[in-house]
Amino acid sequence: MLPIRVFFEKKGCAAYISHLDVQRAVIRALQRTGCDFAFTEGFNPHMKLVFAMPLSLFQESTYEIFDVTLLDDNETYPEVLEKLQSVFPAEIMPYAVAAPVKKLACLRAATYEIRIKTNRKAADISLPSTAMKVLKKAKNGATETDIRPLIRSFYASDTENGILLRVTADCGSQSHLNVAYICEWFGFDQADCDILRTGLLDEEGNLLK
């Protein structure tokens, strides 16, 4: 068997579909490759497919990851990538395939670029030393949460049309922040904020490979 880690983008109209729909699209594309992927056993077998961390709606990414396993270990990684690129939608296109180096459970943080259309200046945008409380929404209601401890780094700069934020925030099963809450706390409308995830980091702060 050949374990495969696929690196892909999520851009364009894919930002407006749920993670479940992305997962379905990935499964359909994988089936079209003709490759023999590993499935679970039992009464309802399904493809062994694991994503690093679902991306929130209305956000794009240049660094998404999923793991699958090929039963035929005679395939090479370049051959697999070529097959994937021939069948995947352009909005969720794989750009690299490799052997997993670390487990996906090692994911701890993510990096983001947030472009905000505004007349405000970067000099007016800085992280407070006190709490940043927001109403965090969930299926069972909303709870007030301090997001300040979840932000690892923050840098704001001016652009021609507004402000660019470069943010590193907690991301993973242990602790996770939807960075849209940062925009909300600063009083920006979601429609004016273009959020792009640019990296997934391991416990040492390196790109998860």
N, C-alpha and C. Protein backbone atom coordinates (compact mmCIF):
# COMPACT_ATOMS: atom_id res chain seq x y z
N MET A 1 0.84 -1.20 0.00
CA MET A 1 0.00 0.00 0.00
C MET A 1 0.88 1.25 0.00
N LEU A 2 0.36 2.31 -0.61
CA LEU A 2 1.12 3.56 -0.74
C LEU A 2 0.34 4.70 -0.08
N PRO A 3 0.80 5.19 1.09
CA PRO A 3 0.14 6.34 1.71
C PRO A 3 0.43 7.61 0.91
N ILE A 4 -0.59 8.42 0.72
CA ILE A 4 -0.47 9.60 -0.12
C ILE A 4 -0.99 10.83 0.63
N ARG A 5 -0.21 11.88 0.62
CA ARG A 5 -0.66 13.18 1.13
C ARG A 5 -0.81 14.13 -0.06
N VAL A 6 -2.01 14.65 -0.22
CA VAL A 6 -2.33 15.52 -1.35
C VAL A 6 -2.45 16.96 -0.85
N PHE A 7 -1.72 17.86 -1.49
CA PHE A 7 -1.80 19.29 -1.20
C PHE A 7 -2.61 19.95 -2.30
N PHE A 8 -3.62 20.73 -1.91
CA PHE A 8 -4.50 21.32 -2.92
C PHE A 8 -4.95 22.71 -2.51
N GLU A 9 -5.47 23.44 -3.49
CA GLU A 9 -6.01 24.77 -3.25
C GLU A 9 -7.53 24.69 -3.13
N LYS A 10 -8.09 25.67 -2.47
CA LYS A 10 -9.55 25.83 -2.44
C LYS A 10 -9.83 27.29 -2.76
N LYS A 11 -10.26 27.54 -3.99
CA LYS A 11 -10.39 28.93 -4.44
C LYS A 11 -11.67 29.13 -5.23
N GLY A 12 -11.95 30.40 -5.52
CA GLY A 12 -13.10 30.72 -6.35
C GLY A 12 -14.41 30.31 -5.71
N CYS A 13 -15.28 29.69 -6.52
CA CYS A 13 -16.61 29.33 -6.03
C CYS A 13 -16.55 28.24 -4.96
N ALA A 14 -15.42 27.54 -4.84
CA ALA A 14 -15.29 26.51 -3.80
C ALA A 14 -15.35 27.12 -2.40
N ALA A 15 -15.08 28.42 -2.29
CA ALA A 15 -15.15 29.08 -0.98
C ALA A 15 -16.58 29.14 -0.46
N TYR A 16 -17.55 28.94 -1.35
CA TYR A 16 -18.96 29.09 -0.97
C TYR A 16 -19.66 27.76 -0.73
N ILE A 17 -18.92 26.67 -0.78
CA ILE A 17 -19.53 25.36 -0.52
C ILE A 17 -18.97 24.78 0.77
N SER A 18 -19.76 23.96 1.42
CA SER A 18 -19.39 23.42 2.72
C SER A 18 -18.28 22.39 2.60
N HIS A 19 -17.68 22.07 3.74
CA HIS A 19 -16.63 21.05 3.75
C HIS A 19 -17.19 19.70 3.30
N LEU A 20 -18.43 19.39 3.68
CA LEU A 20 -19.03 18.13 3.27
C LEU A 20 -19.15 18.04 1.76
N ASP A 21 -19.52 19.14 1.12
CA ASP A 21 -19.62 19.15 -0.34
C ASP A 21 -18.24 19.04 -0.99
N VAL A 22 -17.23 19.67 -0.38
CA VAL A 22 -15.86 19.53 -0.88
C VAL A 22 -15.42 18.07 -0.78
N GLN A 23 -15.74 17.44 0.34
CA GLN A 23 -15.37 16.04 0.55
C GLN A 23 -16.02 15.15 -0.52
N ARG A 24 -17.28 15.41 -0.82
CA ARG A 24 -17.97 14.63 -1.85
C ARG A 24 -17.33 14.84 -3.22
N ALA A 25 -16.97 16.09 -3.52
CA ALA A 25 -16.34 16.38 -4.81
C ALA A 25 -14.98 15.69 -4.92
N VAL A 26 -14.23 15.66 -3.82
CA VAL A 26 -12.93 14.99 -3.81
C VAL A 26 -13.10 13.49 -4.04
N ILE A 27 -14.06 12.88 -3.37
CA ILE A 27 -14.29 11.44 -3.52
C ILE A 27 -14.66 11.11 -4.97
N ARG A 28 -15.55 11.91 -5.55
CA ARG A 28 -15.95 11.66 -6.95
C ARG A 28 -14.75 11.79 -7.88
N ALA A 29 -13.91 12.80 -7.64
CA ALA A 29 -12.74 12.99 -8.48
C ALA A 29 -11.75 11.84 -8.32
N LEU A 30 -11.54 11.40 -7.08
CA LEU A 30 -10.62 10.28 -6.84
C LEU A 30 -11.11 9.02 -7.55
N GLN A 31 -12.41 8.81 -7.55
CA GLN A 31 -12.96 7.63 -8.22
C GLN A 31 -12.76 7.69 -9.73
N ARG A 32 -12.73 8.91 -10.28
CA ARG A 32 -12.55 9.05 -11.73
C ARG A 32 -11.11 8.80 -12.17
N THR A 33 -10.17 8.80 -11.23
CA THR A 33 -8.77 8.57 -11.61
C THR A 33 -8.53 7.13 -12.06
N GLY A 34 -9.38 6.21 -11.62
CA GLY A 34 -9.16 4.80 -11.93
C GLY A 34 -8.18 4.13 -11.00
N CYS A 35 -7.66 4.88 -10.03
CA CYS A 35 -6.73 4.30 -9.05
C CYS A 35 -7.49 3.46 -8.03
N ASP A 36 -6.80 2.50 -7.45
CA ASP A 36 -7.41 1.59 -6.48
C ASP A 36 -7.09 2.09 -5.07
N PHE A 37 -8.02 2.86 -4.50
CA PHE A 37 -7.81 3.43 -3.17
C PHE A 37 -8.36 2.51 -2.09
N ALA A 38 -7.80 2.62 -0.90
CA ALA A 38 -8.22 1.78 0.23
C ALA A 38 -9.58 2.23 0.74
N PHE A 39 -10.41 1.25 1.12
CA PHE A 39 -11.73 1.50 1.69
C PHE A 39 -11.81 0.85 3.07
N THR A 40 -12.72 1.37 3.88
CA THR A 40 -12.98 0.74 5.16
C THR A 40 -13.71 -0.58 4.92
N GLU A 41 -13.73 -1.42 5.95
CA GLU A 41 -14.44 -2.69 5.85
C GLU A 41 -15.78 -2.58 6.59
N GLY A 42 -16.62 -3.58 6.42
CA GLY A 42 -17.91 -3.58 7.12
C GLY A 42 -19.07 -3.49 6.16
N PHE A 43 -20.27 -3.19 6.71
CA PHE A 43 -21.49 -3.17 5.91
C PHE A 43 -21.59 -1.93 5.03
N ASN A 44 -20.92 -0.85 5.42
CA ASN A 44 -21.01 0.40 4.65
C ASN A 44 -19.60 0.93 4.37
N PRO A 45 -18.86 0.26 3.50
CA PRO A 45 -17.47 0.68 3.24
C PRO A 45 -17.40 2.04 2.57
N HIS A 46 -16.43 2.84 2.97
CA HIS A 46 -16.20 4.13 2.33
C HIS A 46 -14.71 4.38 2.22
N MET A 47 -14.34 5.27 1.31
CA MET A 47 -12.93 5.53 1.06
C MET A 47 -12.24 6.07 2.31
N LYS A 48 -11.05 5.57 2.58
CA LYS A 48 -10.26 6.08 3.71
C LYS A 48 -9.65 7.42 3.30
N LEU A 49 -10.33 8.48 3.70
CA LEU A 49 -9.97 9.84 3.30
C LEU A 49 -10.02 10.73 4.52
N VAL A 50 -8.91 11.41 4.82
CA VAL A 50 -8.84 12.26 6.02
C VAL A 50 -8.32 13.64 5.62
N PHE A 51 -9.05 14.69 6.01
CA PHE A 51 -8.63 16.07 5.76
C PHE A 51 -7.93 16.63 6.99
N ALA A 52 -7.01 17.56 6.76
CA ALA A 52 -6.25 18.15 7.87
C ALA A 52 -7.16 18.96 8.78
N MET A 53 -7.86 19.96 8.24
CA MET A 53 -8.75 20.80 9.01
C MET A 53 -9.69 21.52 8.05
N PRO A 54 -11.00 21.31 8.20
CA PRO A 54 -11.95 21.97 7.30
C PRO A 54 -11.78 23.48 7.32
N LEU A 55 -11.92 24.08 6.15
CA LEU A 55 -11.83 25.53 6.02
C LEU A 55 -13.23 26.12 6.16
N SER A 56 -13.32 27.23 6.87
CA SER A 56 -14.62 27.86 7.08
C SER A 56 -15.19 28.39 5.77
N LEU A 57 -16.51 28.50 5.71
CA LEU A 57 -17.17 29.05 4.53
C LEU A 57 -16.68 30.47 4.24
N PHE A 58 -16.69 30.82 2.96
CA PHE A 58 -16.32 32.15 2.46
C PHE A 58 -14.82 32.42 2.59
N GLN A 59 -14.02 31.38 2.80
CA GLN A 59 -12.58 31.54 2.89
C GLN A 59 -11.90 30.68 1.82
N GLU A 60 -10.76 31.19 1.31
CA GLU A 60 -9.99 30.46 0.31
C GLU A 60 -8.69 29.97 0.93
N SER A 61 -7.99 29.11 0.20
CA SER A 61 -6.75 28.56 0.74
C SER A 61 -5.81 28.13 -0.39
N THR A 62 -4.52 28.29 -0.13
CA THR A 62 -3.50 27.76 -1.03
C THR A 62 -2.78 26.57 -0.41
N TYR A 63 -3.23 26.13 0.78
CA TYR A 63 -2.51 25.06 1.47
C TYR A 63 -3.49 24.17 2.23
N GLU A 64 -4.21 23.34 1.48
CA GLU A 64 -5.10 22.35 2.08
C GLU A 64 -4.50 20.96 1.90
N ILE A 65 -4.89 20.04 2.78
CA ILE A 65 -4.28 18.71 2.79
C ILE A 65 -5.36 17.65 3.00
N PHE A 66 -5.23 16.54 2.25
CA PHE A 66 -5.96 15.33 2.63
C PHE A 66 -5.08 14.12 2.39
N ASP A 67 -5.33 13.06 3.16
CA ASP A 67 -4.58 11.81 3.07
C ASP A 67 -5.46 10.70 2.53
N VAL A 68 -4.92 9.91 1.62
CA VAL A 68 -5.57 8.69 1.13
C VAL A 68 -4.50 7.61 1.03
N THR A 69 -4.94 6.38 0.76
CA THR A 69 -4.00 5.27 0.62
C THR A 69 -4.29 4.51 -0.67
N LEU A 70 -3.25 4.32 -1.47
CA LEU A 70 -3.36 3.52 -2.69
C LEU A 70 -3.02 2.07 -2.38
N LEU A 71 -3.82 1.16 -2.89
CA LEU A 71 -3.52 -0.25 -2.69
C LEU A 71 -2.38 -0.72 -3.58
N ASP A 72 -2.20 -0.06 -4.72
CA ASP A 72 -1.14 -0.41 -5.66
C ASP A 72 0.08 0.46 -5.39
N ASP A 73 1.12 -0.12 -4.79
CA ASP A 73 2.31 0.66 -4.46
C ASP A 73 3.29 0.75 -5.63
N ASN A 74 2.87 0.29 -6.82
CA ASN A 74 3.71 0.44 -8.01
C ASN A 74 3.56 1.83 -8.64
N GLU A 75 2.52 2.55 -8.24
CA GLU A 75 2.32 3.91 -8.73
C GLU A 75 3.38 4.83 -8.12
N THR A 76 3.82 5.82 -8.88
CA THR A 76 4.73 6.83 -8.35
C THR A 76 3.94 8.09 -8.01
N TYR A 77 4.50 8.92 -7.14
CA TYR A 77 3.79 10.15 -6.75
C TYR A 77 3.56 11.09 -7.94
N PRO A 78 4.53 11.28 -8.83
CA PRO A 78 4.25 12.12 -10.00
C PRO A 78 3.13 11.57 -10.87
N GLU A 79 3.05 10.25 -11.00
CA GLU A 79 1.98 9.64 -11.79
C GLU A 79 0.62 9.89 -11.14
N VAL A 80 0.58 9.76 -9.82
CA VAL A 80 -0.68 10.00 -9.10
C VAL A 80 -1.11 11.45 -9.25
N LEU A 81 -0.16 12.38 -9.11
CA LEU A 81 -0.50 13.80 -9.25
C LEU A 81 -1.05 14.10 -10.64
N GLU A 82 -0.45 13.53 -11.66
CA GLU A 82 -0.93 13.75 -13.02
C GLU A 82 -2.37 13.27 -13.19
N LYS A 83 -2.67 12.11 -12.61
CA LYS A 83 -4.03 11.58 -12.69
C LYS A 83 -5.02 12.47 -11.94
N LEU A 84 -4.61 12.95 -10.77
CA LEU A 84 -5.49 13.81 -9.98
C LEU A 84 -5.78 15.11 -10.73
N GLN A 85 -4.75 15.71 -11.29
CA GLN A 85 -4.93 17.00 -11.97
C GLN A 85 -5.78 16.88 -13.23
N SER A 86 -5.88 15.67 -13.77
CA SER A 86 -6.68 15.48 -14.99
C SER A 86 -8.17 15.39 -14.71
N VAL A 87 -8.56 15.18 -13.43
CA VAL A 87 -9.98 14.97 -13.13
C VAL A 87 -10.53 15.92 -12.07
N PHE A 88 -9.68 16.61 -11.32
CA PHE A 88 -10.17 17.47 -10.24
C PHE A 88 -10.70 18.80 -10.79
N PRO A 89 -11.74 19.35 -10.16
CA PRO A 89 -12.21 20.69 -10.54
C PRO A 89 -11.11 21.72 -10.29
N ALA A 90 -11.09 22.77 -11.12
CA ALA A 90 -10.05 23.78 -11.02
C ALA A 90 -10.05 24.48 -9.67
N GLU A 91 -11.23 24.57 -9.03
CA GLU A 91 -11.34 25.31 -7.77
C GLU A 91 -10.75 24.55 -6.58
N ILE A 92 -10.54 23.24 -6.71
CA ILE A 92 -9.92 22.45 -5.63
C ILE A 92 -8.78 21.61 -6.22
N MET A 93 -7.94 22.26 -7.00
CA MET A 93 -6.91 21.56 -7.77
C MET A 93 -5.71 21.14 -6.91
N PRO A 94 -5.34 19.85 -6.93
CA PRO A 94 -4.10 19.41 -6.27
C PRO A 94 -2.88 19.97 -7.00
N TYR A 95 -1.84 20.34 -6.24
CA TYR A 95 -0.62 20.83 -6.87
C TYR A 95 0.62 20.06 -6.40
N ALA A 96 0.46 19.16 -5.43
CA ALA A 96 1.60 18.35 -4.98
C ALA A 96 1.09 17.08 -4.32
N VAL A 97 1.87 16.02 -4.47
CA VAL A 97 1.57 14.73 -3.84
C VAL A 97 2.87 14.19 -3.26
N ALA A 98 2.81 13.70 -2.03
CA ALA A 98 4.03 13.21 -1.38
C ALA A 98 3.67 12.20 -0.30
N ALA A 99 4.69 11.55 0.22
CA ALA A 99 4.49 10.67 1.37
C ALA A 99 4.31 11.52 2.62
N PRO A 100 3.37 11.18 3.49
CA PRO A 100 3.19 11.95 4.72
C PRO A 100 4.45 11.91 5.58
N VAL A 101 4.85 13.07 6.09
CA VAL A 101 6.01 13.15 6.98
C VAL A 101 5.56 13.09 8.43
N LYS A 102 4.52 13.86 8.76
CA LYS A 102 3.96 13.87 10.11
C LYS A 102 2.48 13.54 10.06
N LYS A 103 1.95 13.07 11.17
CA LYS A 103 0.52 12.79 11.24
C LYS A 103 -0.26 14.10 11.20
N LEU A 104 -1.47 14.03 10.65
CA LEU A 104 -2.32 15.22 10.61
C LEU A 104 -2.66 15.71 12.01
N ALA A 105 -2.59 14.82 12.99
CA ALA A 105 -2.85 15.21 14.38
C ALA A 105 -1.80 16.17 14.92
N CYS A 106 -0.68 16.33 14.21
CA CYS A 106 0.36 17.26 14.63
C CYS A 106 0.02 18.71 14.28
N LEU A 107 -1.08 18.92 13.57
CA LEU A 107 -1.49 20.27 13.20
C LEU A 107 -1.78 21.10 14.45
N ARG A 108 -1.19 22.30 14.50
CA ARG A 108 -1.38 23.16 15.67
C ARG A 108 -1.83 24.58 15.30
N ALA A 109 -1.45 25.07 14.12
CA ALA A 109 -1.75 26.46 13.78
C ALA A 109 -1.86 26.62 12.27
N ALA A 110 -2.33 27.78 11.85
CA ALA A 110 -2.43 28.10 10.43
C ALA A 110 -2.08 29.56 10.21
N THR A 111 -1.58 29.85 9.01
CA THR A 111 -1.27 31.23 8.65
C THR A 111 -2.31 31.74 7.65
N TYR A 112 -2.59 33.03 7.75
CA TYR A 112 -3.63 33.63 6.92
C TYR A 112 -3.19 35.00 6.40
N GLU A 113 -3.72 35.35 5.23
CA GLU A 113 -3.68 36.72 4.73
C GLU A 113 -5.11 37.20 4.62
N ILE A 114 -5.41 38.32 5.25
CA ILE A 114 -6.76 38.87 5.24
C ILE A 114 -6.71 40.25 4.61
N ARG A 115 -7.32 40.38 3.45
CA ARG A 115 -7.37 41.67 2.74
C ARG A 115 -8.71 42.33 3.02
N ILE A 116 -8.65 43.54 3.58
CA ILE A 116 -9.86 44.23 4.02
C ILE A 116 -10.03 45.53 3.23
N LYS A 117 -11.19 45.69 2.63
CA LYS A 117 -11.51 46.95 1.95
C LYS A 117 -12.03 47.94 2.98
N THR A 118 -11.26 49.00 3.21
CA THR A 118 -11.62 49.96 4.25
C THR A 118 -10.87 51.26 4.04
N ASN A 119 -11.39 52.32 4.63
CA ASN A 119 -10.69 53.61 4.64
C ASN A 119 -9.80 53.76 5.87
N ARG A 120 -9.88 52.81 6.78
CA ARG A 120 -9.05 52.86 7.98
C ARG A 120 -7.60 52.52 7.64
N LYS A 121 -6.69 52.87 8.54
CA LYS A 121 -5.27 52.66 8.32
C LYS A 121 -4.74 51.56 9.25
N ALA A 122 -3.66 50.91 8.78
CA ALA A 122 -3.07 49.82 9.55
C ALA A 122 -2.59 50.28 10.92
N ALA A 123 -2.17 51.54 11.00
CA ALA A 123 -1.69 52.08 12.28
C ALA A 123 -2.77 52.07 13.35
N ASP A 124 -4.04 52.04 12.91
CA ASP A 124 -5.15 52.03 13.87
C ASP A 124 -5.55 50.62 14.28
N ILE A 125 -4.90 49.60 13.67
CA ILE A 125 -5.28 48.21 13.92
C ILE A 125 -4.14 47.52 14.67
N SER A 126 -4.37 47.19 15.91
CA SER A 126 -3.36 46.47 16.69
C SER A 126 -4.05 45.59 17.72
N LEU A 127 -3.37 44.52 18.09
CA LEU A 127 -3.95 43.61 19.08
C LEU A 127 -3.89 44.24 20.47
N PRO A 128 -4.96 44.12 21.22
CA PRO A 128 -4.95 44.65 22.59
C PRO A 128 -4.21 43.70 23.53
N SER A 129 -3.78 44.22 24.64
CA SER A 129 -3.17 43.36 25.66
C SER A 129 -4.23 42.71 26.53
N THR A 130 -5.46 43.21 26.41
CA THR A 130 -6.57 42.66 27.18
C THR A 130 -7.38 41.68 26.32
N ALA A 131 -8.49 41.22 26.85
CA ALA A 131 -9.30 40.21 26.18
C ALA A 131 -9.95 40.75 24.90
N MET A 132 -10.15 39.85 23.93
CA MET A 132 -10.89 40.15 22.70
C MET A 132 -12.12 39.24 22.69
N LYS A 133 -13.19 39.67 23.30
CA LYS A 133 -14.35 38.81 23.47
C LYS A 133 -15.32 38.96 22.29
N VAL A 134 -15.73 37.80 21.75
CA VAL A 134 -16.70 37.76 20.67
C VAL A 134 -17.75 36.71 21.01
N LEU A 135 -18.88 36.79 20.33
CA LEU A 135 -19.90 35.75 20.46
C LEU A 135 -19.60 34.66 19.45
N LYS A 136 -19.11 33.53 19.94
CA LYS A 136 -18.76 32.41 19.08
C LYS A 136 -20.00 31.56 18.85
N LYS A 137 -20.36 31.42 17.58
CA LYS A 137 -21.62 30.75 17.24
C LYS A 137 -21.40 29.25 17.06
N ALA A 138 -22.34 28.47 17.56
CA ALA A 138 -22.32 27.02 17.41
C ALA A 138 -23.75 26.53 17.24
N LYS A 139 -23.90 25.24 16.96
CA LYS A 139 -25.24 24.68 16.73
C LYS A 139 -26.12 24.81 17.97
N ASN A 140 -25.51 24.73 19.15
CA ASN A 140 -26.29 24.78 20.38
C ASN A 140 -26.38 26.20 20.96
N GLY A 141 -26.03 27.20 20.14
CA GLY A 141 -26.15 28.58 20.59
C GLY A 141 -24.84 29.33 20.49
N ALA A 142 -24.82 30.53 21.05
CA ALA A 142 -23.62 31.37 21.01
C ALA A 142 -23.07 31.56 22.41
N THR A 143 -21.75 31.54 22.52
CA THR A 143 -21.09 31.75 23.80
C THR A 143 -20.03 32.83 23.65
N GLU A 144 -19.86 33.63 24.69
CA GLU A 144 -18.84 34.67 24.68
C GLU A 144 -17.47 34.03 24.88
N THR A 145 -16.54 34.32 23.97
CA THR A 145 -15.23 33.68 23.99
C THR A 145 -14.14 34.74 23.81
N ASP A 146 -13.05 34.58 24.54
CA ASP A 146 -11.88 35.45 24.38
C ASP A 146 -10.97 34.82 23.33
N ILE A 147 -10.85 35.47 22.17
CA ILE A 147 -10.05 34.91 21.08
C ILE A 147 -8.59 35.35 21.14
N ARG A 148 -8.26 36.28 22.04
CA ARG A 148 -6.89 36.82 22.08
C ARG A 148 -5.84 35.73 22.30
N PRO A 149 -6.05 34.75 23.21
CA PRO A 149 -5.02 33.72 23.42
C PRO A 149 -4.82 32.79 22.22
N LEU A 150 -5.75 32.82 21.26
CA LEU A 150 -5.67 31.92 20.10
C LEU A 150 -4.90 32.54 18.94
N ILE A 151 -4.54 33.82 19.07
CA ILE A 151 -3.81 34.52 18.01
C ILE A 151 -2.33 34.49 18.34
N ARG A 152 -1.53 33.85 17.50
CA ARG A 152 -0.11 33.66 17.78
C ARG A 152 0.75 34.80 17.23
N SER A 153 0.38 35.34 16.10
CA SER A 153 1.09 36.50 15.56
C SER A 153 0.12 37.33 14.73
N PHE A 154 0.43 38.63 14.62
CA PHE A 154 -0.50 39.56 13.96
C PHE A 154 0.31 40.72 13.41
N TYR A 155 0.12 41.00 12.12
CA TYR A 155 0.81 42.13 11.50
C TYR A 155 -0.13 42.80 10.51
N ALA A 156 -0.25 44.11 10.59
CA ALA A 156 -1.13 44.87 9.71
C ALA A 156 -0.32 45.83 8.86
N SER A 157 -0.66 45.93 7.58
CA SER A 157 0.01 46.88 6.69
C SER A 157 -1.03 47.50 5.76
N ASP A 158 -0.74 48.69 5.28
CA ASP A 158 -1.65 49.38 4.37
C ASP A 158 -1.50 48.86 2.95
N THR A 159 -2.62 48.82 2.23
CA THR A 159 -2.62 48.47 0.82
C THR A 159 -3.32 49.59 0.05
N GLU A 160 -3.35 49.46 -1.25
CA GLU A 160 -3.98 50.49 -2.08
C GLU A 160 -5.47 50.63 -1.78
N ASN A 161 -6.11 49.49 -1.44
CA ASN A 161 -7.56 49.50 -1.23
C ASN A 161 -7.97 49.32 0.23
N GLY A 162 -7.00 49.27 1.14
CA GLY A 162 -7.38 49.06 2.53
C GLY A 162 -6.23 48.56 3.38
N ILE A 163 -6.44 47.40 4.02
CA ILE A 163 -5.48 46.86 4.98
C ILE A 163 -5.24 45.39 4.69
N LEU A 164 -4.00 44.96 4.85
CA LEU A 164 -3.64 43.55 4.77
C LEU A 164 -3.22 43.08 6.16
N LEU A 165 -3.89 42.05 6.66
CA LEU A 165 -3.52 41.43 7.93
C LEU A 165 -2.82 40.10 7.64
N ARG A 166 -1.68 39.89 8.28
CA ARG A 166 -1.01 38.59 8.24
C ARG A 166 -1.11 38.01 9.64
N VAL A 167 -1.79 36.88 9.74
CA VAL A 167 -2.16 36.33 11.04
C VAL A 167 -1.74 34.87 11.13
N THR A 168 -1.23 34.48 12.29
CA THR A 168 -1.06 33.07 12.63
C THR A 168 -1.94 32.79 13.83
N ALA A 169 -2.80 31.78 13.71
CA ALA A 169 -3.77 31.49 14.76
C ALA A 169 -3.86 29.99 15.00
N ASP A 170 -4.35 29.63 16.18
CA ASP A 170 -4.54 28.22 16.51
C ASP A 170 -5.42 27.54 15.47
N CYS A 171 -5.03 26.32 15.10
CA CYS A 171 -5.80 25.55 14.12
C CYS A 171 -5.55 24.07 14.40
N GLY A 172 -6.59 23.33 14.68
CA GLY A 172 -6.42 21.92 14.96
C GLY A 172 -7.49 21.42 15.91
N SER A 173 -7.39 20.14 16.25
CA SER A 173 -8.40 19.52 17.11
C SER A 173 -8.30 20.00 18.55
N GLN A 174 -7.11 20.45 18.97
CA GLN A 174 -6.93 20.88 20.35
C GLN A 174 -7.44 22.30 20.58
N SER A 175 -7.20 23.18 19.62
CA SER A 175 -7.61 24.58 19.74
C SER A 175 -7.72 25.15 18.34
N HIS A 176 -8.81 25.89 18.09
CA HIS A 176 -9.03 26.39 16.73
C HIS A 176 -9.73 27.74 16.76
N LEU A 177 -9.29 28.64 15.87
CA LEU A 177 -9.91 29.95 15.73
C LEU A 177 -10.29 30.19 14.28
N ASN A 178 -11.55 30.50 14.05
CA ASN A 178 -11.99 31.00 12.76
C ASN A 178 -11.59 32.48 12.72
N VAL A 179 -10.64 32.82 11.85
CA VAL A 179 -10.08 34.17 11.88
C VAL A 179 -11.08 35.24 11.44
N ALA A 180 -12.24 34.82 10.94
CA ALA A 180 -13.29 35.80 10.63
C ALA A 180 -13.71 36.55 11.90
N TYR A 181 -13.53 35.91 13.06
CA TYR A 181 -13.86 36.57 14.32
C TYR A 181 -12.93 37.75 14.60
N ILE A 182 -11.70 37.69 14.09
CA ILE A 182 -10.79 38.82 14.25
C ILE A 182 -11.34 40.03 13.51
N CYS A 183 -11.79 39.81 12.27
CA CYS A 183 -12.39 40.90 11.49
C CYS A 183 -13.61 41.45 12.20
N GLU A 184 -14.41 40.55 12.74
CA GLU A 184 -15.63 40.97 13.44
C GLU A 184 -15.29 41.82 14.66
N TRP A 185 -14.26 41.42 15.41
CA TRP A 185 -13.90 42.16 16.62
C TRP A 185 -13.45 43.58 16.29
N PHE A 186 -12.74 43.73 15.15
CA PHE A 186 -12.28 45.06 14.75
C PHE A 186 -13.38 45.88 14.08
N GLY A 187 -14.56 45.29 13.90
CA GLY A 187 -15.69 46.03 13.37
C GLY A 187 -15.81 46.03 11.86
N PHE A 188 -15.13 45.09 11.20
CA PHE A 188 -15.21 45.02 9.74
C PHE A 188 -16.35 44.09 9.32
N ASP A 189 -17.01 44.43 8.22
CA ASP A 189 -18.06 43.59 7.66
C ASP A 189 -17.42 42.41 6.93
N GLN A 190 -18.02 41.22 7.08
CA GLN A 190 -17.46 40.03 6.44
C GLN A 190 -17.34 40.19 4.93
N ALA A 191 -18.28 40.92 4.32
CA ALA A 191 -18.27 41.11 2.87
C ALA A 191 -17.05 41.90 2.41
N ASP A 192 -16.43 42.64 3.31
CA ASP A 192 -15.25 43.45 2.96
C ASP A 192 -13.94 42.74 3.26
N CYS A 193 -14.02 41.50 3.74
CA CYS A 193 -12.82 40.77 4.16
C CYS A 193 -12.60 39.53 3.29
N ASP A 194 -11.48 39.49 2.59
CA ASP A 194 -11.11 38.32 1.80
C ASP A 194 -10.05 37.55 2.58
N ILE A 195 -10.42 36.35 3.03
CA ILE A 195 -9.55 35.56 3.90
C ILE A 195 -8.92 34.42 3.09
N LEU A 196 -7.60 34.34 3.15
CA LEU A 196 -6.85 33.30 2.43
C LEU A 196 -5.95 32.57 3.41
N ARG A 197 -6.15 31.26 3.55
CA ARG A 197 -5.25 30.45 4.38
C ARG A 197 -4.03 30.08 3.54
N THR A 198 -2.85 30.35 4.08
CA THR A 198 -1.62 30.17 3.30
C THR A 198 -0.72 29.05 3.82
N GLY A 199 -1.04 28.50 4.99
CA GLY A 199 -0.19 27.44 5.52
C GLY A 199 -0.82 26.74 6.70
N LEU A 200 -0.46 25.47 6.89
CA LEU A 200 -0.84 24.69 8.06
C LEU A 200 0.45 24.30 8.77
N LEU A 201 0.53 24.58 10.07
CA LEU A 201 1.78 24.44 10.81
C LEU A 201 1.72 23.31 11.83
N ASP A 202 2.87 22.64 12.02
CA ASP A 202 2.94 21.58 13.03
C ASP A 202 3.31 22.17 14.39
N GLU A 203 3.57 21.30 15.36
CA GLU A 203 3.84 21.76 16.72
C GLU A 203 5.15 22.53 16.83
N GLU A 204 6.02 22.42 15.84
CA GLU A 204 7.29 23.15 15.84
C GLU A 204 7.21 24.45 15.04
N GLY A 205 6.04 24.75 14.49
CA GLY A 205 5.86 25.97 13.72
C GLY A 205 6.28 25.85 12.27
N ASN A 206 6.54 24.63 11.81
CA ASN A 206 6.91 24.40 10.41
C ASN A 206 5.68 23.98 9.61
N LEU A 207 5.75 24.18 8.29
CA LEU A 207 4.65 23.73 7.44
C LEU A 207 4.44 22.23 7.62
N LEU A 208 3.19 21.84 7.80
CA LEU A 208 2.87 20.42 7.97
C LEU A 208 3.08 19.71 6.64
N LYS A 209 3.94 18.71 6.65
CA LYS A 209 4.26 17.98 5.42
C LYS A 209 3.80 16.53 5.53
